[in-house]
Every structure is written in C-alpha cells, then in structure tokens.
C-alpha cells in the first residue's frame, strides 16, 4: 500500500529531514521524492510505502499533519487509491 505526501510552506532548513524522520519513525519507506524551492516557498511530493507502518493509516496521517503544524507547513497524506481517483480525467 502506498501513500502520497505533499508538503508546502515557507522554505526553511531541515524540512526534508523532519518529514523523512516522521516517515521512518512510523515505519513508512520513502519510494520517491520530488522537491522544489520556488522563491521563498518549499514544495515537495513524496510517495511512501505504508505496508510496514507501526500504526493505523489514520494515525500516520495525523502524525504527519502534526509535524506540519509544529513546523508551519501544510502536510497532507493521502492513500494512493484516493489520490488516483481524485486525479483521473
């Protein structure tokens, strides 16, 4: 099972480290990552394998949101099937 994590906010040091650490502590494995800095804004999309997480998917979503809230970032985690359904033409 995979999830899509998006991160948006003002750029600062350590964003990738914080999000990656949150994934690692939950047992999620990062499969792919793309990030960009646009002026003063940071944007990132991650694909993570959640088959080995040590909590419910809902708790994982909440833990990633908390990392964002604590860091002034908008972090959203979505199950891959929902993401795919939302973005079909």
N, C-alpha and C. Protein backbone atom coordinates (compact mmCIF):
# COMPACT_ATOMS: atom_id res chain seq x y z
N UNK A 1 0.85 -1.17 0.00
CA UNK A 1 0.00 0.00 0.00
C UNK A 1 0.90 1.23 0.00
N UNK A 2 0.53 2.21 -0.82
CA UNK A 2 1.32 3.43 -0.95
C UNK A 2 0.48 4.63 -0.53
N UNK A 3 1.20 5.71 -0.19
CA UNK A 3 0.56 6.97 0.13
C UNK A 3 1.31 8.09 -0.57
N UNK A 4 0.60 9.17 -0.82
CA UNK A 4 1.18 10.38 -1.40
C UNK A 4 1.19 11.43 -0.30
N UNK A 5 2.36 11.99 -0.04
CA UNK A 5 2.50 13.04 0.97
C UNK A 5 2.91 14.32 0.26
N UNK A 6 2.16 15.40 0.50
CA UNK A 6 2.52 16.69 -0.06
C UNK A 6 2.90 17.62 1.08
N UNK A 7 3.91 18.43 0.83
CA UNK A 7 4.39 19.39 1.82
C UNK A 7 4.54 20.74 1.14
N UNK A 8 3.92 21.76 1.70
CA UNK A 8 4.01 23.11 1.14
C UNK A 8 4.17 24.10 2.29
N UNK A 9 5.02 25.09 2.09
CA UNK A 9 5.19 26.12 3.10
C UNK A 9 6.39 27.00 2.81
N UNK A 10 6.66 27.91 3.71
CA UNK A 10 7.85 28.75 3.58
C UNK A 10 9.08 27.87 3.73
N UNK A 11 10.08 28.11 2.90
CA UNK A 11 11.30 27.31 2.93
C UNK A 11 12.07 27.57 4.23
N UNK A 12 12.62 26.51 4.78
CA UNK A 12 13.50 26.60 5.94
C UNK A 12 14.38 25.36 5.97
N UNK A 13 15.41 25.40 6.75
CA UNK A 13 16.33 24.27 6.85
C UNK A 13 15.66 23.10 7.55
N UNK A 14 15.91 21.91 7.05
CA UNK A 14 15.50 20.70 7.75
C UNK A 14 14.12 20.16 7.43
N UNK A 15 13.43 20.71 6.45
CA UNK A 15 12.07 20.24 6.16
C UNK A 15 12.10 18.77 5.72
N UNK A 16 12.97 18.45 4.77
CA UNK A 16 13.03 17.07 4.29
C UNK A 16 13.42 16.13 5.43
N UNK A 17 14.34 16.57 6.27
CA UNK A 17 14.77 15.74 7.40
C UNK A 17 13.62 15.47 8.37
N UNK A 18 12.82 16.49 8.66
CA UNK A 18 11.70 16.31 9.59
C UNK A 18 10.66 15.34 9.04
N UNK A 19 10.31 15.53 7.77
CA UNK A 19 9.29 14.67 7.17
C UNK A 19 9.81 13.25 7.02
N UNK A 20 11.06 13.12 6.60
CA UNK A 20 11.67 11.79 6.47
C UNK A 20 11.75 11.08 7.81
N UNK A 21 12.11 11.81 8.85
CA UNK A 21 12.18 11.21 10.19
C UNK A 21 10.80 10.75 10.66
N UNK A 22 9.77 11.53 10.35
CA UNK A 22 8.41 11.13 10.70
C UNK A 22 7.99 9.86 9.99
N UNK A 23 8.37 9.75 8.73
CA UNK A 23 8.07 8.52 7.98
C UNK A 23 8.82 7.34 8.58
N UNK A 24 10.09 7.53 8.86
CA UNK A 24 10.91 6.44 9.40
C UNK A 24 10.40 5.97 10.76
N UNK A 25 10.03 6.90 11.61
CA UNK A 25 9.57 6.50 12.95
C UNK A 25 8.25 5.75 12.88
N UNK A 26 7.47 5.99 11.83
CA UNK A 26 6.19 5.29 11.65
C UNK A 26 6.37 3.96 10.92
N UNK A 27 7.56 3.75 10.36
CA UNK A 27 7.82 2.52 9.62
C UNK A 27 7.49 2.62 8.15
N UNK A 28 7.27 3.84 7.65
CA UNK A 28 6.99 4.04 6.22
C UNK A 28 8.31 4.17 5.47
N UNK A 29 8.36 3.62 4.26
CA UNK A 29 9.56 3.68 3.44
C UNK A 29 9.35 4.65 2.28
N UNK A 30 10.26 5.59 2.12
CA UNK A 30 10.16 6.56 1.03
C UNK A 30 10.57 5.88 -0.27
N UNK A 31 9.67 5.90 -1.25
CA UNK A 31 9.93 5.29 -2.55
C UNK A 31 10.44 6.32 -3.54
N UNK A 32 9.83 7.50 -3.53
CA UNK A 32 10.21 8.55 -4.47
C UNK A 32 9.95 9.89 -3.81
N UNK A 33 10.75 10.87 -4.19
CA UNK A 33 10.61 12.20 -3.62
C UNK A 33 10.97 13.24 -4.68
N UNK A 34 10.19 14.30 -4.72
CA UNK A 34 10.47 15.42 -5.60
C UNK A 34 10.23 16.68 -4.79
N UNK A 35 11.20 17.59 -4.82
CA UNK A 35 11.03 18.82 -4.07
C UNK A 35 11.56 19.98 -4.89
N UNK A 36 11.01 21.14 -4.60
CA UNK A 36 11.42 22.34 -5.30
C UNK A 36 11.28 23.54 -4.37
N UNK A 37 12.14 24.50 -4.57
CA UNK A 37 12.02 25.76 -3.86
C UNK A 37 11.68 26.81 -4.91
N UNK A 38 10.53 27.44 -4.73
CA UNK A 38 10.05 28.45 -5.66
C UNK A 38 10.06 29.78 -4.94
N UNK A 39 11.10 30.56 -5.18
CA UNK A 39 11.25 31.80 -4.42
C UNK A 39 11.48 31.46 -2.96
N UNK A 40 10.57 31.90 -2.11
CA UNK A 40 10.70 31.61 -0.68
C UNK A 40 9.84 30.42 -0.24
N UNK A 41 9.20 29.75 -1.20
CA UNK A 41 8.29 28.66 -0.88
C UNK A 41 8.89 27.30 -1.20
N UNK A 42 8.61 26.35 -0.32
CA UNK A 42 9.07 24.97 -0.46
C UNK A 42 7.88 24.12 -0.86
N UNK A 43 8.08 23.21 -1.82
CA UNK A 43 7.03 22.28 -2.23
C UNK A 43 7.66 20.90 -2.41
N UNK A 44 6.99 19.88 -1.91
CA UNK A 44 7.52 18.52 -2.02
C UNK A 44 6.37 17.53 -2.17
N UNK A 45 6.61 16.51 -2.97
CA UNK A 45 5.70 15.37 -3.09
C UNK A 45 6.53 14.13 -2.82
N UNK A 46 6.01 13.27 -1.96
CA UNK A 46 6.67 12.01 -1.65
C UNK A 46 5.70 10.86 -1.91
N UNK A 47 6.23 9.76 -2.40
CA UNK A 47 5.48 8.52 -2.48
C UNK A 47 6.12 7.61 -1.44
N UNK A 48 5.31 7.09 -0.53
CA UNK A 48 5.84 6.22 0.52
C UNK A 48 5.09 4.89 0.55
N UNK A 49 5.83 3.86 0.90
CA UNK A 49 5.24 2.54 1.08
C UNK A 49 4.81 2.46 2.54
N UNK A 50 3.52 2.27 2.75
CA UNK A 50 2.99 2.24 4.12
C UNK A 50 2.65 0.83 4.58
N UNK A 51 3.07 -0.19 3.82
CA UNK A 51 2.72 -1.56 4.19
C UNK A 51 3.37 -1.98 5.51
N UNK A 52 4.44 -1.31 5.92
CA UNK A 52 5.12 -1.68 7.16
C UNK A 52 4.93 -0.69 8.30
N UNK A 53 3.92 0.19 8.21
CA UNK A 53 3.78 1.18 9.29
C UNK A 53 3.33 0.50 10.59
N UNK A 54 3.76 1.08 11.70
CA UNK A 54 3.52 0.51 13.02
C UNK A 54 2.35 1.17 13.74
N UNK A 55 1.43 1.74 12.96
CA UNK A 55 0.25 2.39 13.50
C UNK A 55 -0.83 2.31 12.43
N UNK A 56 -2.03 2.71 12.76
CA UNK A 56 -3.09 2.73 11.74
C UNK A 56 -2.77 3.82 10.72
N UNK A 57 -3.34 3.69 9.52
CA UNK A 57 -3.10 4.69 8.49
C UNK A 57 -3.61 6.05 8.96
N UNK A 58 -4.74 6.08 9.64
CA UNK A 58 -5.29 7.34 10.16
C UNK A 58 -4.33 7.99 11.14
N UNK A 59 -3.72 7.20 12.01
CA UNK A 59 -2.74 7.75 12.95
C UNK A 59 -1.50 8.26 12.22
N UNK A 60 -1.11 7.57 11.15
CA UNK A 60 0.03 8.03 10.34
C UNK A 60 -0.29 9.39 9.71
N UNK A 61 -1.48 9.51 9.16
CA UNK A 61 -1.92 10.78 8.57
C UNK A 61 -1.86 11.89 9.63
N UNK A 62 -2.38 11.60 10.81
CA UNK A 62 -2.39 12.59 11.89
C UNK A 62 -0.97 12.95 12.34
N UNK A 63 -0.08 11.96 12.39
CA UNK A 63 1.30 12.23 12.83
C UNK A 63 2.03 13.12 11.82
N UNK A 64 1.77 12.89 10.54
CA UNK A 64 2.40 13.74 9.53
C UNK A 64 1.83 15.16 9.58
N UNK A 65 0.53 15.28 9.79
CA UNK A 65 -0.10 16.60 9.91
C UNK A 65 0.48 17.36 11.09
N UNK A 66 0.72 16.65 12.21
CA UNK A 66 1.29 17.29 13.40
C UNK A 66 2.69 17.83 13.13
N UNK A 67 3.49 17.06 12.38
CA UNK A 67 4.82 17.55 12.01
C UNK A 67 4.67 18.87 11.25
N UNK A 68 3.71 18.92 10.34
CA UNK A 68 3.47 20.15 9.59
C UNK A 68 3.01 21.29 10.48
N UNK A 69 2.05 20.99 11.36
CA UNK A 69 1.53 22.02 12.26
C UNK A 69 2.64 22.58 13.14
N UNK A 70 3.51 21.71 13.63
CA UNK A 70 4.62 22.13 14.50
C UNK A 70 5.68 22.93 13.76
N UNK A 71 5.71 22.78 12.43
CA UNK A 71 6.76 23.41 11.62
C UNK A 71 6.24 24.54 10.73
N UNK A 72 4.95 24.84 10.82
CA UNK A 72 4.38 25.88 9.97
C UNK A 72 4.23 25.46 8.52
N UNK A 73 4.03 24.16 8.31
CA UNK A 73 3.89 23.62 6.96
C UNK A 73 2.52 22.98 6.79
N UNK A 74 2.08 22.90 5.55
CA UNK A 74 0.86 22.17 5.23
C UNK A 74 1.29 20.80 4.72
N UNK A 75 1.11 19.76 5.55
CA UNK A 75 1.46 18.40 5.17
C UNK A 75 0.17 17.60 5.08
N UNK A 76 -0.05 17.03 3.89
CA UNK A 76 -1.24 16.21 3.66
C UNK A 76 -0.79 14.83 3.20
N UNK A 77 -1.41 13.82 3.77
CA UNK A 77 -1.10 12.43 3.44
C UNK A 77 -2.37 11.77 2.94
N UNK A 78 -2.27 11.15 1.76
CA UNK A 78 -3.44 10.58 1.13
C UNK A 78 -3.11 9.18 0.63
N UNK A 79 -4.02 8.25 0.88
CA UNK A 79 -3.84 6.90 0.36
C UNK A 79 -3.77 6.98 -1.16
N UNK A 80 -2.91 6.18 -1.75
CA UNK A 80 -2.70 6.22 -3.20
C UNK A 80 -3.99 6.04 -3.99
N UNK A 81 -4.87 5.17 -3.55
CA UNK A 81 -6.11 4.92 -4.31
C UNK A 81 -7.00 6.16 -4.33
N UNK A 82 -7.04 6.89 -3.24
CA UNK A 82 -7.84 8.13 -3.22
C UNK A 82 -7.19 9.18 -4.11
N UNK A 83 -5.88 9.30 -4.02
CA UNK A 83 -5.16 10.26 -4.86
C UNK A 83 -5.42 9.97 -6.33
N UNK A 84 -5.31 8.70 -6.72
CA UNK A 84 -5.53 8.32 -8.11
C UNK A 84 -6.96 8.61 -8.55
N UNK A 85 -7.92 8.33 -7.69
CA UNK A 85 -9.32 8.59 -8.02
C UNK A 85 -9.59 10.08 -8.21
N UNK A 86 -8.97 10.90 -7.38
CA UNK A 86 -9.18 12.35 -7.46
C UNK A 86 -8.57 12.95 -8.72
N UNK A 87 -7.54 12.31 -9.27
CA UNK A 87 -6.80 12.93 -10.37
C UNK A 87 -6.98 12.20 -11.70
N UNK A 88 -8.04 11.44 -11.83
CA UNK A 88 -8.36 10.83 -13.12
C UNK A 88 -9.16 11.82 -13.95
N UNK A 89 -8.87 11.81 -15.21
CA UNK A 89 -9.58 12.71 -16.13
C UNK A 89 -10.79 11.97 -16.69
